[in-house]
Amino acid sequence: LVDYKRLHGDCNVPQAWPENRQLGRWVMKQRCQYTLRQKGERCQITDERIGRLNDLGFSWTAPSFRKNKTKDKDFAISPRWM
């Protein structure tokens, strides 16, 4: 994740990032675990990991797909992807 941030400027690894799919899935899992913790549900994420990810500038909310708009005005996002 540190290397990804160094190269891309953020910690928003796409879930299916072709260069390292495992990292993308791991990032998604951290966000899911953090959400469970915020809801007071059982989770596996530790205070130490939350702190280390916060120090790295980790975003606990995944960027929205809609922010990646296309220039093609006829493009429509399929509801199954939302």
C-alpha atoms as a PDB file:
ATOM      1  CA  LEU A   1       0.000   0.000   0.000  1.00  0.00           C
ATOM      2  CA  VAL A   2       2.894   2.335   0.772  1.00  0.00           C
ATOM      3  CA  ASP A   3       4.349   1.711  -2.695  1.00  0.00           C
ATOM      4  CA  TYR A   4       0.949   2.247  -4.330  1.00  0.00           C
ATOM      5  CA  LYS A   5       0.566   5.587  -2.541  1.00  0.00           C
ATOM      6  CA  ARG A   6       4.067   6.636  -3.532  1.00  0.00           C
ATOM      7  CA  LEU A   7       3.237   5.954  -7.197  1.00  0.00           C
ATOM      8  CA  HIS A   8      -0.378   7.176  -7.322  1.00  0.00           C
ATOM      9  CA  GLY A   9      -0.611   9.771  -4.550  1.00  0.00           C
ATOM     10  CA  ASP A  10      -3.451   8.054  -2.685  1.00  0.00           C
ATOM     11  CA  CYS A  11      -4.480   4.748  -1.117  1.00  0.00           C
ATOM     12  CA  ASN A  12      -7.491   4.173  -3.380  1.00  0.00           C
ATOM     13  CA  VAL A  13      -6.404   0.875  -4.874  1.00  0.00           C
ATOM     14  CA  PRO A  14      -9.064  -0.407  -7.287  1.00  0.00           C
ATOM     15  CA  GLN A  15     -10.522  -3.689  -6.097  1.00  0.00           C
ATOM     16  CA  ALA A  16      -9.508  -5.443  -9.318  1.00  0.00           C
ATOM     17  CA  TRP A  17      -6.239  -3.568  -9.879  1.00  0.00           C
ATOM     18  CA  PRO A  18      -4.471  -5.708 -12.497  1.00  0.00           C
ATOM     19  CA  GLU A  19      -1.003  -5.114 -11.049  1.00  0.00           C
ATOM     20  CA  ASN A  20      -1.972  -6.511  -7.636  1.00  0.00           C
ATOM     21  CA  ARG A  21      -5.520  -7.807  -7.242  1.00  0.00           C
ATOM     22  CA  GLN A  22      -4.739  -9.064  -3.749  1.00  0.00           C
ATOM     23  CA  LEU A  23      -3.894  -5.521  -2.604  1.00  0.00           C
ATOM     24  CA  GLY A  24      -7.161  -4.192  -4.033  1.00  0.00           C
ATOM     25  CA  ARG A  25      -9.146  -6.854  -2.181  1.00  0.00           C
ATOM     26  CA  TRP A  26      -7.189  -6.185   1.018  1.00  0.00           C
ATOM     27  CA  VAL A  27      -8.000  -2.456   0.855  1.00  0.00           C
ATOM     28  CA  MET A  28     -11.688  -3.280   0.375  1.00  0.00           C
ATOM     29  CA  LYS A  29     -11.570  -5.643   3.356  1.00  0.00           C
ATOM     30  CA  GLN A  30     -10.039  -2.954   5.590  1.00  0.00           C
ATOM     31  CA  ARG A  31     -12.861  -0.577   4.689  1.00  0.00           C
ATOM     32  CA  CYS A  32     -15.455  -3.271   5.402  1.00  0.00           C
ATOM     33  CA  GLN A  33     -13.872  -4.138   8.744  1.00  0.00           C
ATOM     34  CA  TYR A  34     -13.714  -0.460   9.712  1.00  0.00           C
ATOM     35  CA  THR A  35     -17.392  -0.015   8.838  1.00  0.00           C
ATOM     36  CA  LEU A  36     -18.311  -2.982  11.030  1.00  0.00           C
ATOM     37  CA  ARG A  37     -16.313  -1.463  13.876  1.00  0.00           C
ATOM     38  CA  GLN A  38     -18.054   1.905  13.463  1.00  0.00           C
ATOM     39  CA  LYS A  39     -21.396   0.099  13.750  1.00  0.00           C
ATOM     40  CA  GLY A  40     -20.258  -1.624  16.936  1.00  0.00           C
ATOM     41  CA  GLU A  41     -20.260  -5.018  15.265  1.00  0.00           C
ATOM     42  CA  ARG A  42     -17.660  -7.723  15.579  1.00  0.00           C
ATOM     43  CA  CYS A  43     -14.620  -7.084  13.400  1.00  0.00           C
ATOM     44  CA  GLN A  44     -10.973  -8.007  13.024  1.00  0.00           C
ATOM     45  CA  ILE A  45      -9.399  -4.599  12.485  1.00  0.00           C
ATOM     46  CA  THR A  46      -7.240  -3.329  15.357  1.00  0.00           C
ATOM     47  CA  ASP A  47      -6.680   0.167  16.738  1.00  0.00           C
ATOM     48  CA  GLU A  48      -3.052  -0.158  15.682  1.00  0.00           C
ATOM     49  CA  ARG A  49      -3.973  -0.931  12.071  1.00  0.00           C
ATOM     50  CA  ILE A  50      -6.500   1.918  11.972  1.00  0.00           C
ATOM     51  CA  GLY A  51      -3.821   4.283  13.277  1.00  0.00           C
ATOM     52  CA  ARG A  52      -1.223   3.120  10.775  1.00  0.00           C
ATOM     53  CA  LEU A  53      -3.664   3.435   7.883  1.00  0.00           C
ATOM     54  CA  ASN A  54      -4.755   6.885   9.085  1.00  0.00           C
ATOM     55  CA  ASP A  55      -1.094   7.942   9.249  1.00  0.00           C
ATOM     56  CA  LEU A  56      -0.720   6.815   5.636  1.00  0.00           C
ATOM     57  CA  GLY A  57      -3.705   8.931   4.582  1.00  0.00           C
ATOM     58  CA  PHE A  58      -6.026   5.992   4.008  1.00  0.00           C
ATOM     59  CA  SER A  59      -9.573   6.908   2.970  1.00  0.00           C
ATOM     60  CA  TRP A  60     -12.138   4.792   4.801  1.00  0.00           C
ATOM     61  CA  THR A  61     -14.710   5.506   2.112  1.00  0.00           C
ATOM     62  CA  ALA A  62     -14.092   4.220  -1.388  1.00  0.00           C
ATOM     63  CA  PRO A  63     -14.185   6.831  -4.127  1.00  0.00           C
ATOM     64  CA  SER A  64     -17.456   6.949  -6.008  1.00  0.00           C
ATOM     65  CA  PHE A  65     -17.676   5.393  -9.461  1.00  0.00           C
ATOM     66  CA  ARG A  66     -19.617   8.458 -10.588  1.00  0.00           C
ATOM     67  CA  LYS A  67     -16.550  10.643 -10.054  1.00  0.00           C
ATOM     68  CA  ASN A  68     -14.980   8.844 -13.025  1.00  0.00           C
ATOM     69  CA  LYS A  69     -17.280  10.416 -15.602  1.00  0.00           C
ATOM     70  CA  THR A  70     -16.797   9.747 -19.268  1.00  0.00           C
ATOM     71  CA  LYS A  71     -16.813  12.387 -21.983  1.00  0.00           C
ATOM     72  CA  ASP A  72     -19.262  10.271 -23.971  1.00  0.00           C
ATOM     73  CA  LYS A  73     -22.630  11.860 -23.194  1.00  0.00           C
ATOM     74  CA  ASP A  74     -24.441   8.737 -24.452  1.00  0.00           C
ATOM     75  CA  PHE A  75     -22.722   6.608 -21.800  1.00  0.00           C
ATOM     76  CA  ALA A  76     -25.060   5.347 -19.099  1.00  0.00           C
ATOM     77  CA  ILE A  77     -24.052   3.531 -15.954  1.00  0.00           C
ATOM     78  CA  SER A  78     -25.795   0.223 -15.644  1.00  0.00           C
ATOM     79  CA  PRO A  79     -27.796  -0.011 -12.388  1.00  0.00           C
ATOM     80  CA  ARG A  80     -26.148  -3.346 -11.618  1.00  0.00           C
ATOM     81  CA  TRP A  81     -22.827  -1.519 -11.138  1.00  0.00           C
ATOM     82  CA  MET A  82     -24.201   0.960  -8.638  1.00  0.00           C
END
